[in-house]
Amino acid sequence: MRNYEIIILISNTDDKVDEIINFYKNIIINNKGIISKIENYGIRPLSYNINKFKKAYYITMNITVSINILKKIENHLKLNNSIIRSLITRIK
């Protein structure tokens, strides 16, 4: 299992931010992953417009999971229409 940081930008028009965070928390916990830290920075202005959005919710998660679970999370991030952008980086 490896350490990763996930940064998620959720559209500011979506009121289901807590549901989205809980969805990914459940995937990690149900597959024996570890969540070190979750931070919700709230609505922040974007550096440039993304899909006509000027602001978005910024969420960061520090997790420890296996590669299979990370791929599952990555697929869900791509399919979720509320998520504007996401970035997954490995932490040493």
N, C-alpha and C. Protein backbone atom coordinates (compact mmCIF):
# COMPACT_ATOMS: atom_id res chain seq x y z
N MET A 1 0.84 -1.18 0.00
CA MET A 1 0.00 0.00 0.00
C MET A 1 0.89 1.24 0.00
N ARG A 2 0.43 2.24 -0.73
CA ARG A 2 1.22 3.46 -0.90
C ARG A 2 0.41 4.67 -0.45
N ASN A 3 1.13 5.77 -0.21
CA ASN A 3 0.50 7.02 0.21
C ASN A 3 0.23 7.89 -1.01
N TYR A 4 -0.96 8.48 -1.05
CA TYR A 4 -1.35 9.35 -2.15
C TYR A 4 -2.05 10.59 -1.61
N GLU A 5 -1.99 11.65 -2.41
CA GLU A 5 -2.78 12.84 -2.13
C GLU A 5 -3.70 13.05 -3.32
N ILE A 6 -4.98 13.25 -3.02
CA ILE A 6 -5.97 13.48 -4.06
C ILE A 6 -6.49 14.91 -3.90
N ILE A 7 -6.47 15.67 -4.96
CA ILE A 7 -7.04 17.01 -4.98
C ILE A 7 -8.25 16.97 -5.92
N ILE A 8 -9.39 17.41 -5.40
CA ILE A 8 -10.62 17.35 -6.17
C ILE A 8 -11.22 18.75 -6.24
N LEU A 9 -11.62 19.16 -7.44
CA LEU A 9 -12.36 20.41 -7.63
C LEU A 9 -13.79 20.06 -8.00
N ILE A 10 -14.74 20.47 -7.16
CA ILE A 10 -16.15 20.17 -7.37
C ILE A 10 -16.86 21.46 -7.76
N SER A 11 -17.76 21.39 -8.72
CA SER A 11 -18.46 22.59 -9.19
C SER A 11 -19.17 23.28 -8.04
N ASN A 12 -19.13 24.61 -8.03
CA ASN A 12 -19.72 25.36 -6.92
C ASN A 12 -21.24 25.38 -6.96
N THR A 13 -21.85 24.91 -8.03
CA THR A 13 -23.31 24.84 -8.10
C THR A 13 -23.85 23.55 -7.49
N ASP A 14 -22.98 22.63 -7.17
CA ASP A 14 -23.38 21.33 -6.62
C ASP A 14 -23.47 21.41 -5.10
N ASP A 15 -24.63 21.04 -4.55
CA ASP A 15 -24.82 21.06 -3.09
C ASP A 15 -24.49 19.73 -2.44
N LYS A 16 -24.03 18.76 -3.20
CA LYS A 16 -23.79 17.41 -2.68
C LYS A 16 -22.31 17.16 -2.39
N VAL A 17 -21.60 18.17 -1.92
CA VAL A 17 -20.17 18.04 -1.66
C VAL A 17 -19.90 17.00 -0.59
N ASP A 18 -20.67 17.05 0.51
CA ASP A 18 -20.48 16.07 1.58
C ASP A 18 -20.77 14.65 1.12
N GLU A 19 -21.77 14.48 0.25
CA GLU A 19 -22.09 13.15 -0.27
C GLU A 19 -20.95 12.62 -1.14
N ILE A 20 -20.35 13.49 -1.93
CA ILE A 20 -19.24 13.08 -2.79
C ILE A 20 -18.04 12.68 -1.94
N ILE A 21 -17.73 13.47 -0.91
CA ILE A 21 -16.62 13.13 -0.02
C ILE A 21 -16.88 11.81 0.68
N ASN A 22 -18.09 11.62 1.19
CA ASN A 22 -18.43 10.36 1.89
C ASN A 22 -18.38 9.16 0.95
N PHE A 23 -18.73 9.35 -0.32
CA PHE A 23 -18.67 8.26 -1.29
C PHE A 23 -17.23 7.74 -1.42
N TYR A 24 -16.28 8.67 -1.57
CA TYR A 24 -14.88 8.26 -1.71
C TYR A 24 -14.30 7.74 -0.40
N LYS A 25 -14.75 8.30 0.72
CA LYS A 25 -14.33 7.78 2.03
C LYS A 25 -14.76 6.32 2.19
N ASN A 26 -16.00 6.02 1.79
CA ASN A 26 -16.51 4.66 1.91
C ASN A 26 -15.75 3.69 1.02
N ILE A 27 -15.39 4.10 -0.19
CA ILE A 27 -14.60 3.23 -1.07
C ILE A 27 -13.27 2.89 -0.40
N ILE A 28 -12.62 3.89 0.16
CA ILE A 28 -11.30 3.68 0.78
C ILE A 28 -11.42 2.80 2.01
N ILE A 29 -12.35 3.12 2.89
CA ILE A 29 -12.48 2.37 4.16
C ILE A 29 -12.95 0.94 3.91
N ASN A 30 -13.90 0.75 3.01
CA ASN A 30 -14.42 -0.59 2.73
C ASN A 30 -13.39 -1.50 2.09
N ASN A 31 -12.35 -0.92 1.48
CA ASN A 31 -11.31 -1.72 0.86
C ASN A 31 -10.01 -1.70 1.66
N LYS A 32 -10.14 -1.48 2.96
CA LYS A 32 -9.03 -1.55 3.92
C LYS A 32 -7.95 -0.50 3.67
N GLY A 33 -8.37 0.64 3.16
CA GLY A 33 -7.45 1.76 3.00
C GLY A 33 -7.45 2.62 4.25
N ILE A 34 -6.52 3.55 4.32
CA ILE A 34 -6.39 4.43 5.48
C ILE A 34 -6.50 5.88 4.99
N ILE A 35 -7.33 6.65 5.68
CA ILE A 35 -7.45 8.07 5.38
C ILE A 35 -6.69 8.84 6.45
N SER A 36 -5.62 9.52 6.05
CA SER A 36 -4.82 10.29 6.99
C SER A 36 -5.43 11.65 7.27
N LYS A 37 -5.91 12.30 6.20
CA LYS A 37 -6.42 13.66 6.36
C LYS A 37 -7.36 14.00 5.21
N ILE A 38 -8.44 14.69 5.56
CA ILE A 38 -9.35 15.24 4.56
C ILE A 38 -9.55 16.71 4.89
N GLU A 39 -9.33 17.57 3.92
CA GLU A 39 -9.53 19.00 4.13
C GLU A 39 -10.47 19.54 3.07
N ASN A 40 -11.49 20.27 3.53
CA ASN A 40 -12.42 20.93 2.64
C ASN A 40 -12.14 22.43 2.76
N TYR A 41 -11.56 23.01 1.72
CA TYR A 41 -11.20 24.43 1.75
C TYR A 41 -12.36 25.33 1.36
N GLY A 42 -13.50 24.76 1.02
CA GLY A 42 -14.66 25.54 0.64
C GLY A 42 -14.55 26.05 -0.79
N ILE A 43 -15.34 27.05 -1.10
CA ILE A 43 -15.35 27.60 -2.46
C ILE A 43 -14.20 28.58 -2.60
N ARG A 44 -13.39 28.36 -3.64
CA ARG A 44 -12.23 29.21 -3.93
C ARG A 44 -12.30 29.62 -5.40
N PRO A 45 -11.77 30.80 -5.73
CA PRO A 45 -11.72 31.19 -7.14
C PRO A 45 -10.68 30.35 -7.89
N LEU A 46 -10.99 30.04 -9.14
CA LEU A 46 -10.07 29.30 -9.98
C LEU A 46 -9.11 30.26 -10.67
N SER A 47 -7.94 29.80 -11.01
CA SER A 47 -6.97 30.63 -11.72
C SER A 47 -7.47 31.01 -13.11
N TYR A 48 -8.21 30.09 -13.70
CA TYR A 48 -8.80 30.32 -15.02
C TYR A 48 -10.11 29.55 -15.08
N ASN A 49 -10.99 29.92 -15.98
CA ASN A 49 -12.28 29.26 -16.09
C ASN A 49 -12.11 27.81 -16.55
N ILE A 50 -12.83 26.93 -15.88
CA ILE A 50 -12.86 25.52 -16.27
C ILE A 50 -14.31 25.17 -16.50
N ASN A 51 -14.64 24.80 -17.73
CA ASN A 51 -16.02 24.48 -18.10
C ASN A 51 -16.99 25.60 -17.70
N LYS A 52 -16.57 26.84 -17.89
CA LYS A 52 -17.35 28.05 -17.59
C LYS A 52 -17.54 28.29 -16.09
N PHE A 53 -16.79 27.61 -15.24
CA PHE A 53 -16.85 27.84 -13.80
C PHE A 53 -15.71 28.77 -13.39
N LYS A 54 -16.03 29.75 -12.56
CA LYS A 54 -15.01 30.66 -12.05
C LYS A 54 -14.60 30.31 -10.64
N LYS A 55 -15.44 29.51 -9.94
CA LYS A 55 -15.17 29.10 -8.57
C LYS A 55 -15.48 27.62 -8.42
N ALA A 56 -14.84 26.98 -7.43
CA ALA A 56 -15.09 25.56 -7.18
C ALA A 56 -14.76 25.23 -5.73
N TYR A 57 -15.30 24.11 -5.26
CA TYR A 57 -14.94 23.58 -3.95
C TYR A 57 -13.61 22.86 -4.09
N TYR A 58 -12.67 23.15 -3.19
CA TYR A 58 -11.37 22.48 -3.18
C TYR A 58 -11.37 21.46 -2.06
N ILE A 59 -11.09 20.21 -2.38
CA ILE A 59 -11.02 19.12 -1.40
C ILE A 59 -9.67 18.43 -1.57
N THR A 60 -8.97 18.18 -0.46
CA THR A 60 -7.74 17.38 -0.50
C THR A 60 -7.90 16.19 0.43
N MET A 61 -7.37 15.05 0.01
CA MET A 61 -7.41 13.83 0.81
C MET A 61 -6.02 13.20 0.79
N ASN A 62 -5.51 12.85 1.95
CA ASN A 62 -4.27 12.06 2.05
C ASN A 62 -4.68 10.66 2.46
N ILE A 63 -4.33 9.69 1.61
CA ILE A 63 -4.80 8.32 1.83
C ILE A 63 -3.66 7.33 1.64
N THR A 64 -3.88 6.12 2.14
CA THR A 64 -2.98 5.00 1.93
C THR A 64 -3.83 3.84 1.40
N VAL A 65 -3.61 3.47 0.14
CA VAL A 65 -4.39 2.42 -0.49
C VAL A 65 -3.51 1.60 -1.44
N SER A 66 -4.06 0.48 -1.88
CA SER A 66 -3.36 -0.32 -2.89
C SER A 66 -3.63 0.27 -4.27
N ILE A 67 -2.88 -0.16 -5.24
CA ILE A 67 -3.00 0.38 -6.60
C ILE A 67 -4.36 0.04 -7.20
N ASN A 68 -4.90 -1.14 -6.91
CA ASN A 68 -6.21 -1.53 -7.45
C ASN A 68 -7.30 -0.59 -6.97
N ILE A 69 -7.27 -0.23 -5.71
CA ILE A 69 -8.28 0.68 -5.16
C ILE A 69 -8.09 2.08 -5.74
N LEU A 70 -6.84 2.48 -5.93
CA LEU A 70 -6.57 3.79 -6.51
C LEU A 70 -7.14 3.88 -7.93
N LYS A 71 -7.03 2.82 -8.70
CA LYS A 71 -7.59 2.81 -10.06
C LYS A 71 -9.11 2.90 -10.01
N LYS A 72 -9.71 2.24 -9.03
CA LYS A 72 -11.16 2.31 -8.87
C LYS A 72 -11.60 3.74 -8.54
N ILE A 73 -10.88 4.39 -7.64
CA ILE A 73 -11.17 5.78 -7.27
C ILE A 73 -11.00 6.69 -8.48
N GLU A 74 -9.92 6.48 -9.22
CA GLU A 74 -9.63 7.29 -10.40
C GLU A 74 -10.74 7.17 -11.45
N ASN A 75 -11.26 5.96 -11.66
CA ASN A 75 -12.35 5.77 -12.61
C ASN A 75 -13.61 6.50 -12.16
N HIS A 76 -13.92 6.44 -10.86
CA HIS A 76 -15.10 7.14 -10.35
C HIS A 76 -14.93 8.65 -10.47
N LEU A 77 -13.72 9.15 -10.26
CA LEU A 77 -13.47 10.59 -10.40
C LEU A 77 -13.73 11.05 -11.83
N LYS A 78 -13.34 10.23 -12.79
CA LYS A 78 -13.53 10.59 -14.20
C LYS A 78 -15.00 10.56 -14.60
N LEU A 79 -15.78 9.66 -14.01
CA LEU A 79 -17.18 9.50 -14.40
C LEU A 79 -18.13 10.45 -13.70
N ASN A 80 -17.70 11.07 -12.59
CA ASN A 80 -18.57 11.95 -11.82
C ASN A 80 -18.67 13.31 -12.52
N ASN A 81 -19.87 13.72 -12.90
CA ASN A 81 -20.07 14.98 -13.63
C ASN A 81 -19.90 16.20 -12.74
N SER A 82 -20.01 16.06 -11.44
CA SER A 82 -19.87 17.20 -10.52
C SER A 82 -18.41 17.59 -10.33
N ILE A 83 -17.50 16.69 -10.63
CA ILE A 83 -16.08 16.95 -10.42
C ILE A 83 -15.50 17.60 -11.68
N ILE A 84 -14.98 18.82 -11.47
CA ILE A 84 -14.42 19.57 -12.59
C ILE A 84 -13.03 19.04 -12.94
N ARG A 85 -12.18 18.91 -11.92
CA ARG A 85 -10.82 18.41 -12.11
C ARG A 85 -10.42 17.58 -10.90
N SER A 86 -9.46 16.69 -11.11
CA SER A 86 -8.90 15.91 -10.02
C SER A 86 -7.43 15.65 -10.33
N LEU A 87 -6.66 15.49 -9.27
CA LEU A 87 -5.23 15.21 -9.42
C LEU A 87 -4.85 14.23 -8.32
N ILE A 88 -4.19 13.15 -8.70
CA ILE A 88 -3.70 12.16 -7.75
C ILE A 88 -2.18 12.13 -7.84
N THR A 89 -1.53 12.34 -6.71
CA THR A 89 -0.07 12.30 -6.68
C THR A 89 0.37 11.33 -5.59
N ARG A 90 1.49 10.67 -5.85
CA ARG A 90 2.05 9.74 -4.88
C ARG A 90 2.96 10.50 -3.92
N ILE A 91 2.83 10.20 -2.65
CA ILE A 91 3.63 10.84 -1.61
C ILE A 91 4.63 9.83 -1.08
N LYS A 92 5.87 10.24 -0.92
CA LYS A 92 6.88 9.33 -0.39
C LYS A 92 6.79 9.21 1.10
